[in-house]
Amino acid sequence: MSETTVHCDGRVAITVEPREMRMSHWLYAPLVVDQQRQQVLLDLSDSLWDLIGTADETASGIDLLLRKYPGDRSSVMVSVDLDGGVIRLGERLIESSQLLSALESALG
């Protein structure tokens, strides 16, 4: 059953559908939607990327800490800027269509 949390003064909805990868190993791949614009900003729901947590939440943005299952490599921080409708990986702007490949390259 999916779980949705609301962030950024109600502007962002983050939905995860928990998937059990192995016994007691759960994956929470996120779908991030700008509620005001009705726009999907980030969709990793069919990927092996796990939402560990959120940070630096403001009314205009939020940071997502992600790691790739099985979690044997370092985590990655992705910033969602609501005012600009953009995603950043470090200082680099990332198009939604290029997000998975950018995350992979960030792992090294």
PDB file of N, CA and C in Angstrom:
ATOM      1  N   MET A   1       0.840  -1.167   0.000  1.00  0.00           N
ATOM      2  CA  MET A   1       0.000   0.000   0.000  1.00  0.00           C
ATOM      3  C   MET A   1       0.892   1.240   0.000  1.00  0.00           C
ATOM      4  N   SER A   2       0.607   2.181  -0.877  1.00  0.00           N
ATOM      5  CA  SER A   2       1.433   3.379  -0.987  1.00  0.00           C
ATOM      6  C   SER A   2       1.247   4.298   0.214  1.00  0.00           C
ATOM      7  N   GLU A   3       2.301   5.069   0.475  1.00  0.00           N
ATOM      8  CA  GLU A   3       2.297   6.032   1.563  1.00  0.00           C
ATOM      9  C   GLU A   3       2.646   7.389   0.975  1.00  0.00           C
ATOM     10  N   THR A   4       1.864   8.421   1.332  1.00  0.00           N
ATOM     11  CA  THR A   4       2.113   9.758   0.833  1.00  0.00           C
ATOM     12  C   THR A   4       2.338  10.694   2.006  1.00  0.00           C
ATOM     13  N   THR A   5       3.391  11.513   1.894  1.00  0.00           N
ATOM     14  CA  THR A   5       3.645  12.564   2.872  1.00  0.00           C
ATOM     15  C   THR A   5       3.639  13.896   2.140  1.00  0.00           C
ATOM     16  N   VAL A   6       3.248  14.940   2.852  1.00  0.00           N
ATOM     17  CA  VAL A   6       3.144  16.272   2.266  1.00  0.00           C
ATOM     18  C   VAL A   6       4.240  17.153   2.872  1.00  0.00           C
ATOM     19  N   HIS A   7       4.876  17.938   2.018  1.00  0.00           N
ATOM     20  CA  HIS A   7       6.008  18.769   2.420  1.00  0.00           C
ATOM     21  C   HIS A   7       5.878  20.164   1.820  1.00  0.00           C
ATOM     22  N   CYS A   8       6.782  21.037   2.213  1.00  0.00           N
ATOM     23  CA  CYS A   8       6.891  22.389   1.640  1.00  0.00           C
ATOM     24  C   CYS A   8       5.563  23.146   1.734  1.00  0.00           C
ATOM     25  N   ASP A   9       5.035  23.211   2.938  1.00  0.00           N
ATOM     26  CA  ASP A   9       3.764  23.908   3.196  1.00  0.00           C
ATOM     27  C   ASP A   9       2.620  23.374   2.341  1.00  0.00           C
ATOM     28  N   GLY A  10       2.618  22.080   2.103  1.00  0.00           N
ATOM     29  CA  GLY A  10       1.541  21.442   1.358  1.00  0.00           C
ATOM     30  C   GLY A  10       1.720  21.428  -0.140  1.00  0.00           C
ATOM     31  N   ARG A  11       2.820  21.977  -0.606  1.00  0.00           N
ATOM     32  CA  ARG A  11       3.001  22.091  -2.055  1.00  0.00           C
ATOM     33  C   ARG A  11       3.514  20.800  -2.695  1.00  0.00           C
ATOM     34  N   VAL A  12       4.250  19.992  -1.936  1.00  0.00           N
ATOM     35  CA  VAL A  12       4.855  18.788  -2.505  1.00  0.00           C
ATOM     36  C   VAL A  12       4.274  17.548  -1.842  1.00  0.00           C
ATOM     37  N   ALA A  13       3.932  16.588  -2.669  1.00  0.00           N
ATOM     38  CA  ALA A  13       3.522  15.277  -2.174  1.00  0.00           C
ATOM     39  C   ALA A  13       4.574  14.272  -2.605  1.00  0.00           C
ATOM     40  N   ILE A  14       5.066  13.501  -1.625  1.00  0.00           N
ATOM     41  CA  ILE A  14       6.024  12.443  -1.919  1.00  0.00           C
ATOM     42  C   ILE A  14       5.333  11.124  -1.619  1.00  0.00           C
ATOM     43  N   THR A  15       5.208  10.312  -2.646  1.00  0.00           N
ATOM     44  CA  THR A  15       4.544   9.018  -2.516  1.00  0.00           C
ATOM     45  C   THR A  15       5.571   7.909  -2.709  1.00  0.00           C
ATOM     46  N   VAL A  16       5.514   6.946  -1.818  1.00  0.00           N
ATOM     47  CA  VAL A  16       6.339   5.746  -1.966  1.00  0.00           C
ATOM     48  C   VAL A  16       5.423   4.540  -1.867  1.00  0.00           C
ATOM     49  N   GLU A  17       5.762   3.532  -2.620  1.00  0.00           N
ATOM     50  CA  GLU A  17       5.058   2.257  -2.535  1.00  0.00           C
ATOM     51  C   GLU A  17       6.083   1.239  -2.067  1.00  0.00           C
ATOM     52  N   PRO A  18       6.049   0.882  -0.791  1.00  0.00           N
ATOM     53  CA  PRO A  18       7.054  -0.031  -0.265  1.00  0.00           C
ATOM     54  C   PRO A  18       7.062  -1.364  -1.010  1.00  0.00           C
ATOM     55  N   ARG A  19       8.270  -1.802  -1.382  1.00  0.00           N
ATOM     56  CA  ARG A  19       8.447  -3.096  -2.035  1.00  0.00           C
ATOM     57  C   ARG A  19       9.455  -3.896  -1.224  1.00  0.00           C
ATOM     58  N   GLU A  20       9.104  -5.111  -0.912  1.00  0.00           N
ATOM     59  CA  GLU A  20      10.040  -5.968  -0.204  1.00  0.00           C
ATOM     60  C   GLU A  20      10.960  -6.616  -1.230  1.00  0.00           C
ATOM     61  N   MET A  21      12.246  -6.267  -1.140  1.00  0.00           N
ATOM     62  CA  MET A  21      13.216  -6.776  -2.100  1.00  0.00           C
ATOM     63  C   MET A  21      13.708  -8.164  -1.690  1.00  0.00           C
ATOM     64  N   ARG A  22      13.937  -8.316  -0.419  1.00  0.00           N
ATOM     65  CA  ARG A  22      14.295  -9.589   0.193  1.00  0.00           C
ATOM     66  C   ARG A  22      13.648  -9.574   1.567  1.00  0.00           C
ATOM     67  N   MET A  23      13.681 -10.694   2.225  1.00  0.00           N
ATOM     68  CA  MET A  23      13.074 -10.760   3.551  1.00  0.00           C
ATOM     69  C   MET A  23      13.599  -9.623   4.439  1.00  0.00           C
ATOM     70  N   SER A  24      12.698  -8.752   4.859  1.00  0.00           N
ATOM     71  CA  SER A  24      12.994  -7.613   5.731  1.00  0.00           C
ATOM     72  C   SER A  24      13.844  -6.525   5.087  1.00  0.00           C
ATOM     73  N   HIS A  25      14.020  -6.546   3.770  1.00  0.00           N
ATOM     74  CA  HIS A  25      14.721  -5.484   3.065  1.00  0.00           C
ATOM     75  C   HIS A  25      13.688  -4.763   2.187  1.00  0.00           C
ATOM     76  N   TRP A  26      13.330  -3.554   2.607  1.00  0.00           N
ATOM     77  CA  TRP A  26      12.280  -2.804   1.926  1.00  0.00           C
ATOM     78  C   TRP A  26      12.876  -1.670   1.113  1.00  0.00           C
ATOM     79  N   LEU A  27      12.237  -1.380  -0.009  1.00  0.00           N
ATOM     80  CA  LEU A  27      12.631  -0.287  -0.896  1.00  0.00           C
ATOM     81  C   LEU A  27      11.483   0.705  -0.958  1.00  0.00           C
ATOM     82  N   TYR A  28      11.820   1.994  -0.822  1.00  0.00           N
ATOM     83  CA  TYR A  28      10.828   3.070  -0.862  1.00  0.00           C
ATOM     84  C   TYR A  28      11.206   4.029  -1.992  1.00  0.00           C
ATOM     85  N   ALA A  29      10.879   3.666  -3.213  1.00  0.00           N
ATOM     86  CA  ALA A  29      11.208   4.481  -4.377  1.00  0.00           C
ATOM     87  C   ALA A  29      10.195   5.627  -4.493  1.00  0.00           C
ATOM     88  N   PRO A  30      10.678   6.879  -4.565  1.00  0.00           N
ATOM     89  CA  PRO A  30       9.774   8.028  -4.483  1.00  0.00           C
ATOM     90  C   PRO A  30       9.188   8.518  -5.816  1.00  0.00           C
ATOM     91  N   LEU A  31       8.005   9.071  -5.690  1.00  0.00           N
ATOM     92  CA  LEU A  31       7.343   9.853  -6.736  1.00  0.00           C
ATOM     93  C   LEU A  31       7.064  11.208  -6.103  1.00  0.00           C
ATOM     94  N   VAL A  32       7.617  12.281  -6.688  1.00  0.00           N
ATOM     95  CA  VAL A  32       7.491  13.628  -6.119  1.00  0.00           C
ATOM     96  C   VAL A  32       6.651  14.479  -7.063  1.00  0.00           C
ATOM     97  N   VAL A  33       5.552  15.036  -6.527  1.00  0.00           N
ATOM     98  CA  VAL A  33       4.624  15.816  -7.342  1.00  0.00           C
ATOM     99  C   VAL A  33       4.465  17.215  -6.746  1.00  0.00           C
ATOM    100  N   ASP A  34       4.577  18.230  -7.610  1.00  0.00           N
ATOM    101  CA  ASP A  34       4.271  19.610  -7.224  1.00  0.00           C
ATOM    102  C   ASP A  34       2.755  19.735  -7.282  1.00  0.00           C
ATOM    103  N   GLN A  35       2.114  19.816  -6.130  1.00  0.00           N
ATOM    104  CA  GLN A  35       0.656  19.860  -6.043  1.00  0.00           C
ATOM    105  C   GLN A  35       0.080  21.132  -6.666  1.00  0.00           C
ATOM    106  N   GLN A  36       0.796  22.223  -6.556  1.00  0.00           N
ATOM    107  CA  GLN A  36       0.320  23.506  -7.077  1.00  0.00           C
ATOM    108  C   GLN A  36       0.258  23.494  -8.603  1.00  0.00           C
ATOM    109  N   ARG A  37       1.284  22.960  -9.233  1.00  0.00           N
ATOM    110  CA  ARG A  37       1.347  22.910 -10.703  1.00  0.00           C
ATOM    111  C   ARG A  37       0.794  21.616 -11.275  1.00  0.00           C
ATOM    112  N   GLN A  38       0.485  20.632 -10.391  1.00  0.00           N
ATOM    113  CA  GLN A  38       0.073  19.296 -10.834  1.00  0.00           C
ATOM    114  C   GLN A  38       1.097  18.728 -11.808  1.00  0.00           C
ATOM    115  N   GLN A  39       2.375  18.793 -11.378  1.00  0.00           N
ATOM    116  CA  GLN A  39       3.482  18.377 -12.226  1.00  0.00           C
ATOM    117  C   GLN A  39       4.333  17.347 -11.480  1.00  0.00           C
ATOM    118  N   VAL A  40       4.636  16.249 -12.154  1.00  0.00           N
ATOM    119  CA  VAL A  40       5.555  15.261 -11.596  1.00  0.00           C
ATOM    120  C   VAL A  40       6.963  15.828 -11.750  1.00  0.00           C
ATOM    121  N   LEU A  41       7.640  15.994 -10.625  1.00  0.00           N
ATOM    122  CA  LEU A  41       8.989  16.541 -10.646  1.00  0.00           C
ATOM    123  C   LEU A  41      10.045  15.444 -10.695  1.00  0.00           C
ATOM    124  N   LEU A  42       9.743  14.328 -10.056  1.00  0.00           N
ATOM    125  CA  LEU A  42      10.711  13.251  -9.956  1.00  0.00           C
ATOM    126  C   LEU A  42       9.943  11.955  -9.817  1.00  0.00           C
ATOM    127  N   ASP A  43      10.262  10.985 -10.655  1.00  0.00           N
ATOM    128  CA  ASP A  43       9.579   9.693 -10.585  1.00  0.00           C
ATOM    129  C   ASP A  43      10.606   8.567 -10.626  1.00  0.00           C
ATOM    130  N   LEU A  44      10.873   8.011  -9.449  1.00  0.00           N
ATOM    131  CA  LEU A  44      11.781   6.882  -9.343  1.00  0.00           C
ATOM    132  C   LEU A  44      11.025   5.636  -8.897  1.00  0.00           C
ATOM    133  N   SER A  45       9.707   5.665  -9.059  1.00  0.00           N
ATOM    134  CA  SER A  45       8.840   4.619  -8.519  1.00  0.00           C
ATOM    135  C   SER A  45       9.113   3.228  -9.100  1.00  0.00           C
ATOM    136  N   ASP A  46       9.626   3.145 -10.308  1.00  0.00           N
ATOM    137  CA  ASP A  46       9.922   1.843 -10.913  1.00  0.00           C
ATOM    138  C   ASP A  46      11.410   1.529 -10.905  1.00  0.00           C
ATOM    139  N   SER A  47      12.156   2.236 -10.068  1.00  0.00           N
ATOM    140  CA  SER A  47      13.604   2.067 -10.043  1.00  0.00           C
ATOM    141  C   SER A  47      14.056   1.349  -8.779  1.00  0.00           C
ATOM    142  N   LEU A  48      15.341   1.196  -8.643  1.00  0.00           N
ATOM    143  CA  LEU A  48      15.927   0.605  -7.439  1.00  0.00           C
ATOM    144  C   LEU A  48      16.461   1.682  -6.497  1.00  0.00           C
ATOM    145  N   TRP A  49      16.018   2.932  -6.691  1.00  0.00           N
ATOM    146  CA  TRP A  49      16.438   4.031  -5.824  1.00  0.00           C
ATOM    147  C   TRP A  49      15.495   4.143  -4.641  1.00  0.00           C
ATOM    148  N   ASP A  50      16.091   4.213  -3.468  1.00  0.00           N
ATOM    149  CA  ASP A  50      15.390   4.188  -2.192  1.00  0.00           C
ATOM    150  C   ASP A  50      15.459   5.566  -1.530  1.00  0.00           C
ATOM    151  N   LEU A  51      14.324   6.075  -1.097  1.00  0.00           N
ATOM    152  CA  LEU A  51      14.292   7.347  -0.372  1.00  0.00           C
ATOM    153  C   LEU A  51      14.664   7.077   1.080  1.00  0.00           C
ATOM    154  N   ILE A  52      15.824   7.562   1.487  1.00  0.00           N
ATOM    155  CA  ILE A  52      16.282   7.403   2.866  1.00  0.00           C
ATOM    156  C   ILE A  52      15.621   8.446   3.757  1.00  0.00           C
ATOM    157  N   GLY A  53      15.516   9.674   3.241  1.00  0.00           N
ATOM    158  CA  GLY A  53      14.913  10.731   4.033  1.00  0.00           C
ATOM    159  C   GLY A  53      14.923  12.051   3.295  1.00  0.00           C
ATOM    160  N   THR A  54      14.388  13.069   3.951  1.00  0.00           N
ATOM    161  CA  THR A  54      14.350  14.417   3.392  1.00  0.00           C
ATOM    162  C   THR A  54      15.139  15.345   4.307  1.00  0.00           C
ATOM    163  N   ALA A  55      15.565  16.496   3.752  1.00  0.00           N
ATOM    164  CA  ALA A  55      16.334  17.473   4.519  1.00  0.00           C
ATOM    165  C   ALA A  55      16.121  18.856   3.927  1.00  0.00           C
ATOM    166  N   ASP A  56      16.511  19.854   4.682  1.00  0.00           N
ATOM    167  CA  ASP A  56      16.491  21.256   4.232  1.00  0.00           C
ATOM    168  C   ASP A  56      15.186  21.637   3.545  1.00  0.00           C
ATOM    169  N   GLU A  57      14.085  21.305   4.164  1.00  0.00           N
ATOM    170  CA  GLU A  57      12.775  21.610   3.599  1.00  0.00           C
ATOM    171  C   GLU A  57      12.427  23.072   3.828  1.00  0.00           C
ATOM    172  N   THR A  58      12.026  23.756   2.746  1.00  0.00           N
ATOM    173  CA  THR A  58      11.526  25.132   2.816  1.00  0.00           C
ATOM    174  C   THR A  58      10.212  25.174   2.045  1.00  0.00           C
ATOM    175  N   ALA A  59       9.602  26.345   1.963  1.00  0.00           N
ATOM    176  CA  ALA A  59       8.366  26.478   1.196  1.00  0.00           C
ATOM    177  C   ALA A  59       8.610  26.313  -0.300  1.00  0.00           C
ATOM    178  N   SER A  60       9.874  26.486  -0.728  1.00  0.00           N
ATOM    179  CA  SER A  60      10.156  26.442  -2.168  1.00  0.00           C
ATOM    180  C   SER A  60      11.081  25.298  -2.583  1.00  0.00           C
ATOM    181  N   GLY A  61      11.343  24.363  -1.688  1.00  0.00           N
ATOM    182  CA  GLY A  61      12.203  23.258  -2.097  1.00  0.00           C
ATOM    183  C   GLY A  61      12.454  22.250  -0.995  1.00  0.00           C
ATOM    184  N   ILE A  62      13.036  21.137  -1.399  1.00  0.00           N
ATOM    185  CA  ILE A  62      13.335  20.059  -0.469  1.00  0.00           C
ATOM    186  C   ILE A  62      14.483  19.234  -1.039  1.00  0.00           C
ATOM    187  N   ASP A  63      15.300  18.711  -0.143  1.00  0.00           N
ATOM    188  CA  ASP A  63      16.383  17.810  -0.534  1.00  0.00           C
ATOM    189  C   ASP A  63      15.966  16.383  -0.213  1.00  0.00           C
ATOM    190  N   LEU A  64      16.297  15.473  -1.118  1.00  0.00           N
ATOM    191  CA  LEU A  64      15.991  14.056  -0.936  1.00  0.00           C
ATOM    192  C   LEU A  64      17.294  13.278  -0.860  1.00  0.00           C
ATOM    193  N   LEU A  65      17.437  12.493   0.176  1.00  0.00           N
ATOM    194  CA  LEU A  65      18.593  11.631   0.309  1.00  0.00           C
ATOM    195  C   LEU A  65      18.212  10.255  -0.233  1.00  0.00           C
ATOM    196  N   LEU A  66      18.921   9.831  -1.275  1.00  0.00           N
ATOM    197  CA  LEU A  66      18.600   8.592  -1.978  1.00  0.00           C
ATOM    198  C   LEU A  66      19.793   7.645  -1.956  1.00  0.00           C
ATOM    199  N   ARG A  67      19.508   6.361  -2.007  1.00  0.00           N
ATOM    200  CA  ARG A  67      20.560   5.370  -2.218  1.00  0.00           C
ATOM    201  C   ARG A  67      19.994   4.290  -3.123  1.00  0.00           C
ATOM    202  N   LYS A  68      20.895   3.664  -3.834  1.00  0.00           N
ATOM    203  CA  LYS A  68      20.467   2.621  -4.754  1.00  0.00           C
ATOM    204  C   LYS A  68      20.540   1.269  -4.058  1.00  0.00           C
ATOM    205  N   TYR A  69      19.464   0.511  -4.178  1.00  0.00           N
ATOM    206  CA  TYR A  69      19.417  -0.830  -3.601  1.00  0.00           C
ATOM    207  C   TYR A  69      20.494  -1.673  -4.257  1.00  0.00           C
ATOM    208  N   PRO A  70      21.256  -2.423  -3.525  1.00  0.00           N
ATOM    209  CA  PRO A  70      21.054  -2.892  -2.159  1.00  0.00           C
ATOM    210  C   PRO A  70      21.686  -2.014  -1.081  1.00  0.00           C
ATOM    211  N   GLY A  71      22.152  -0.826  -1.422  1.00  0.00           N
ATOM    212  CA  GLY A  71      22.674   0.078  -0.409  1.00  0.00           C
ATOM    213  C   GLY A  71      24.142  -0.123  -0.098  1.00  0.00           C
ATOM    214  N   ASP A  72      24.867  -0.747  -1.007  1.00  0.00           N
ATOM    215  CA  ASP A  72      26.284  -0.996  -0.772  1.00  0.00           C
ATOM    216  C   ASP A  72      27.188   0.124  -1.289  1.00  0.00           C
ATOM    217  N   ARG A  73      26.570   1.192  -1.810  1.00  0.00           N
ATOM    218  CA  ARG A  73      27.333   2.350  -2.275  1.00  0.00           C
ATOM    219  C   ARG A  73      26.834   3.591  -1.544  1.00  0.00           C
ATOM    220  N   SER A  74      27.548   4.681  -1.688  1.00  0.00           N
ATOM    221  CA  SER A  74      27.194   5.892  -0.962  1.00  0.00           C
ATOM    222  C   SER A  74      25.853   6.454  -1.423  1.00  0.00           C
ATOM    223  N   SER A  75      25.260   7.256  -0.559  1.00  0.00           N
ATOM    224  CA  SER A  75      23.975   7.878  -0.883  1.00  0.00           C
ATOM    225  C   SER A  75      24.209   9.134  -1.734  1.00  0.00           C
ATOM    226  N   VAL A  76      23.122   9.648  -2.304  1.00  0.00           N
ATOM    227  CA  VAL A  76      23.156  10.805  -3.193  1.00  0.00           C
ATOM    228  C   VAL A  76      22.082  11.785  -2.732  1.00  0.00           C
ATOM    229  N   MET A  77      22.406  13.083  -2.746  1.00  0.00           N
ATOM    230  CA  MET A  77      21.436  14.110  -2.381  1.00  0.00           C
ATOM    231  C   MET A  77      20.921  14.794  -3.650  1.00  0.00           C
ATOM    232  N   VAL A  78      19.611  14.813  -3.798  1.00  0.00           N
ATOM    233  CA  VAL A  78      18.957  15.471  -4.926  1.00  0.00           C
ATOM    234  C   VAL A  78      18.126  16.615  -4.361  1.00  0.00           C
ATOM    235  N   SER A  79      18.253  17.799  -4.959  1.00  0.00           N
ATOM    236  CA  SER A  79      17.504  18.971  -4.519  1.00  0.00           C
ATOM    237  C   SER A  79      16.391  19.278  -5.503  1.00  0.00           C
ATOM    238  N   VAL A  80      15.199  19.482  -4.983  1.00  0.00           N
ATOM    239  CA  VAL A  80      14.045  19.830  -5.802  1.00  0.00           C
ATOM    240  C   VAL A  80      13.726  21.298  -5.541  1.00  0.00           C
ATOM    241  N   ASP A  81      13.800  22.125  -6.589  1.00  0.00           N
ATOM    242  CA  ASP A  81      13.520  23.558  -6.505  1.00  0.00           C
ATOM    243  C   ASP A  81      12.143  23.804  -7.109  1.00  0.00           C
ATOM    244  N   LEU A  82      11.180  24.115  -6.259  1.00  0.00           N
ATOM    245  CA  LEU A  82       9.800  24.275  -6.729  1.00  0.00           C
ATOM    246  C   LEU A  82       9.596  25.542  -7.546  1.00  0.00           C
ATOM    247  N   ASP A  83      10.251  26.636  -7.165  1.00  0.00           N
ATOM    248  CA  ASP A  83      10.062  27.889  -7.894  1.00  0.00           C
ATOM    249  C   ASP A  83      10.553  27.777  -9.333  1.00  0.00           C
ATOM    250  N   GLY A  84      11.676  27.085  -9.504  1.00  0.00           N
ATOM    251  CA  GLY A  84      12.209  26.909 -10.848  1.00  0.00           C
ATOM    252  C   GLY A  84      11.715  25.652 -11.527  1.00  0.00           C
ATOM    253  N   GLY A  85      11.084  24.752 -10.748  1.00  0.00           N
ATOM    254  CA  GLY A  85      10.617  23.490 -11.300  1.00  0.00           C
ATOM    255  C   GLY A  85      11.751  22.616 -11.786  1.00  0.00           C
ATOM    256  N   VAL A  86      12.901  22.691 -11.074  1.00  0.00           N
ATOM    257  CA  VAL A  86      14.080  21.962 -11.518  1.00  0.00           C
ATOM    258  C   VAL A  86      14.596  21.037 -10.423  1.00  0.00           C
ATOM    259  N   ILE A  87      15.420  20.093 -10.863  1.00  0.00           N
ATOM    260  CA  ILE A  87      16.076  19.142  -9.977  1.00  0.00           C
ATOM    261  C   ILE A  87      17.575  19.382 -10.097  1.00  0.00           C
ATOM    262  N   ARG A  88      18.242  19.379  -8.954  1.00  0.00           N
ATOM    263  CA  ARG A  88      19.694  19.540  -8.942  1.00  0.00           C
ATOM    264  C   ARG A  88      20.339  18.314  -8.302  1.00  0.00           C
ATOM    265  N   LEU A  89      21.436  17.933  -8.872  1.00  0.00           N
ATOM    266  CA  LEU A  89      22.287  16.895  -8.312  1.00  0.00           C
ATOM    267  C   LEU A  89      23.622  17.591  -8.085  1.00  0.00           C
ATOM    268  N   GLY A  90      23.882  17.972  -6.845  1.00  0.00           N
ATOM    269  CA  GLY A  90      25.005  18.861  -6.565  1.00  0.00           C
ATOM    270  C   GLY A  90      24.677  20.218  -7.153  1.00  0.00           C
ATOM    271  N   GLU A  91      25.554  20.753  -7.952  1.00  0.00           N
ATOM    272  CA  GLU A  91      25.312  22.046  -8.603  1.00  0.00           C
ATOM    273  C   GLU A  91      24.732  21.886 -10.009  1.00  0.00           C
ATOM    274  N   ARG A  92      24.608  20.648 -10.459  1.00  0.00           N
ATOM    275  CA  ARG A  92      24.186  20.360 -11.828  1.00  0.00           C
ATOM    276  C   ARG A  92      22.673  20.293 -11.949  1.00  0.00           C
ATOM    277  N   LEU A  93      22.102  21.010 -12.904  1.00  0.00           N
ATOM    278  CA  LEU A  93      20.674  20.902 -13.215  1.00  0.00           C
ATOM    279  C   LEU A  93      20.441  19.622 -13.992  1.00  0.00           C
ATOM    280  N   ILE A  94      19.381  18.898 -13.609  1.00  0.00           N
ATOM    281  CA  ILE A  94      19.092  17.613 -14.237  1.00  0.00           C
ATOM    282  C   ILE A  94      17.681  17.640 -14.814  1.00  0.00           C
ATOM    283  N   GLU A  95      17.556  17.239 -16.061  1.00  0.00           N
ATOM    284  CA  GLU A  95      16.241  17.055 -16.670  1.00  0.00           C
ATOM    285  C   GLU A  95      15.631  15.773 -16.108  1.00  0.00           C
ATOM    286  N   SER A  96      14.329  15.767 -15.913  1.00  0.00           N
ATOM    287  CA  SER A  96      13.663  14.573 -15.376  1.00  0.00           C
ATOM    288  C   SER A  96      13.968  13.331 -16.198  1.00  0.00           C
ATOM    289  N   SER A  97      14.016  13.488 -17.509  1.00  0.00           N
ATOM    290  CA  SER A  97      14.262  12.345 -18.387  1.00  0.00           C
ATOM    291  C   SER A  97      15.685  11.803 -18.251  1.00  0.00           C
ATOM    292  N   GLN A  98      16.598  12.604 -17.712  1.00  0.00           N
ATOM    293  CA  GLN A  98      17.995  12.203 -17.549  1.00  0.00           C
ATOM    294  C   GLN A  98      18.348  11.852 -16.111  1.00  0.00           C
ATOM    295  N   LEU A  99      17.352  11.841 -15.216  1.00  0.00           N
ATOM    296  CA  LEU A  99      17.614  11.665 -13.792  1.00  0.00           C
ATOM    297  C   LEU A  99      18.283  10.337 -13.471  1.00  0.00           C
ATOM    298  N   LEU A 100      17.758   9.234 -13.982  1.00  0.00           N
ATOM    299  CA  LEU A 100      18.342   7.931 -13.667  1.00  0.00           C
ATOM    300  C   LEU A 100      19.791   7.826 -14.104  1.00  0.00           C
ATOM    301  N   SER A 101      20.111   8.273 -15.302  1.00  0.00           N
ATOM    302  CA  SER A 101      21.503   8.190 -15.758  1.00  0.00           C
ATOM    303  C   SER A 101      22.399   9.132 -14.951  1.00  0.00           C
ATOM    304  N   ALA A 102      21.886  10.283 -14.545  1.00  0.00           N
ATOM    305  CA  ALA A 102      22.675  11.212 -13.720  1.00  0.00           C
ATOM    306  C   ALA A 102      22.938  10.609 -12.344  1.00  0.00           C
ATOM    307  N   LEU A 103      21.937   9.947 -11.782  1.00  0.00           N
ATOM    308  CA  LEU A 103      22.122   9.293 -10.475  1.00  0.00           C
ATOM    309  C   LEU A 103      23.164   8.172 -10.580  1.00  0.00           C
ATOM    310  N   GLU A 104      23.090   7.403 -11.652  1.00  0.00           N
ATOM    311  CA  GLU A 104      24.050   6.321 -11.853  1.00  0.00           C
ATOM    312  C   GLU A 104      25.471   6.869 -11.945  1.00  0.00           C
ATOM    313  N   SER A 105      25.636   7.951 -12.707  1.00  0.00           N
ATOM    314  CA  SER A 105      26.989   8.521 -12.861  1.00  0.00           C
ATOM    315  C   SER A 105      27.473   9.142 -11.562  1.00  0.00           C
ATOM    316  N   ALA A 106      26.578   9.600 -10.712  1.00  0.00           N
ATOM    317  CA  ALA A 106      26.979  10.174  -9.424  1.00  0.00           C
ATOM    318  C   ALA A 106      27.542   9.114  -8.492  1.00  0.00           C
ATOM    319  N   LEU A 107      27.190   7.855  -8.728  1.00  0.00           N
ATOM    320  CA  LEU A 107      27.716   6.783  -7.905  1.00  0.00           C
ATOM    321  C   LEU A 107      29.166   6.455  -8.220  1.00  0.00           C
ATOM    322  N   GLY A 108      29.596   6.865  -9.409  1.00  0.00           N
ATOM    323  CA  GLY A 108      30.991   6.645  -9.778  1.00  0.00           C
ATOM    324  C   GLY A 108      31.277   5.393 -10.477  1.00  0.00           C
TER     325      GLY A 108
END
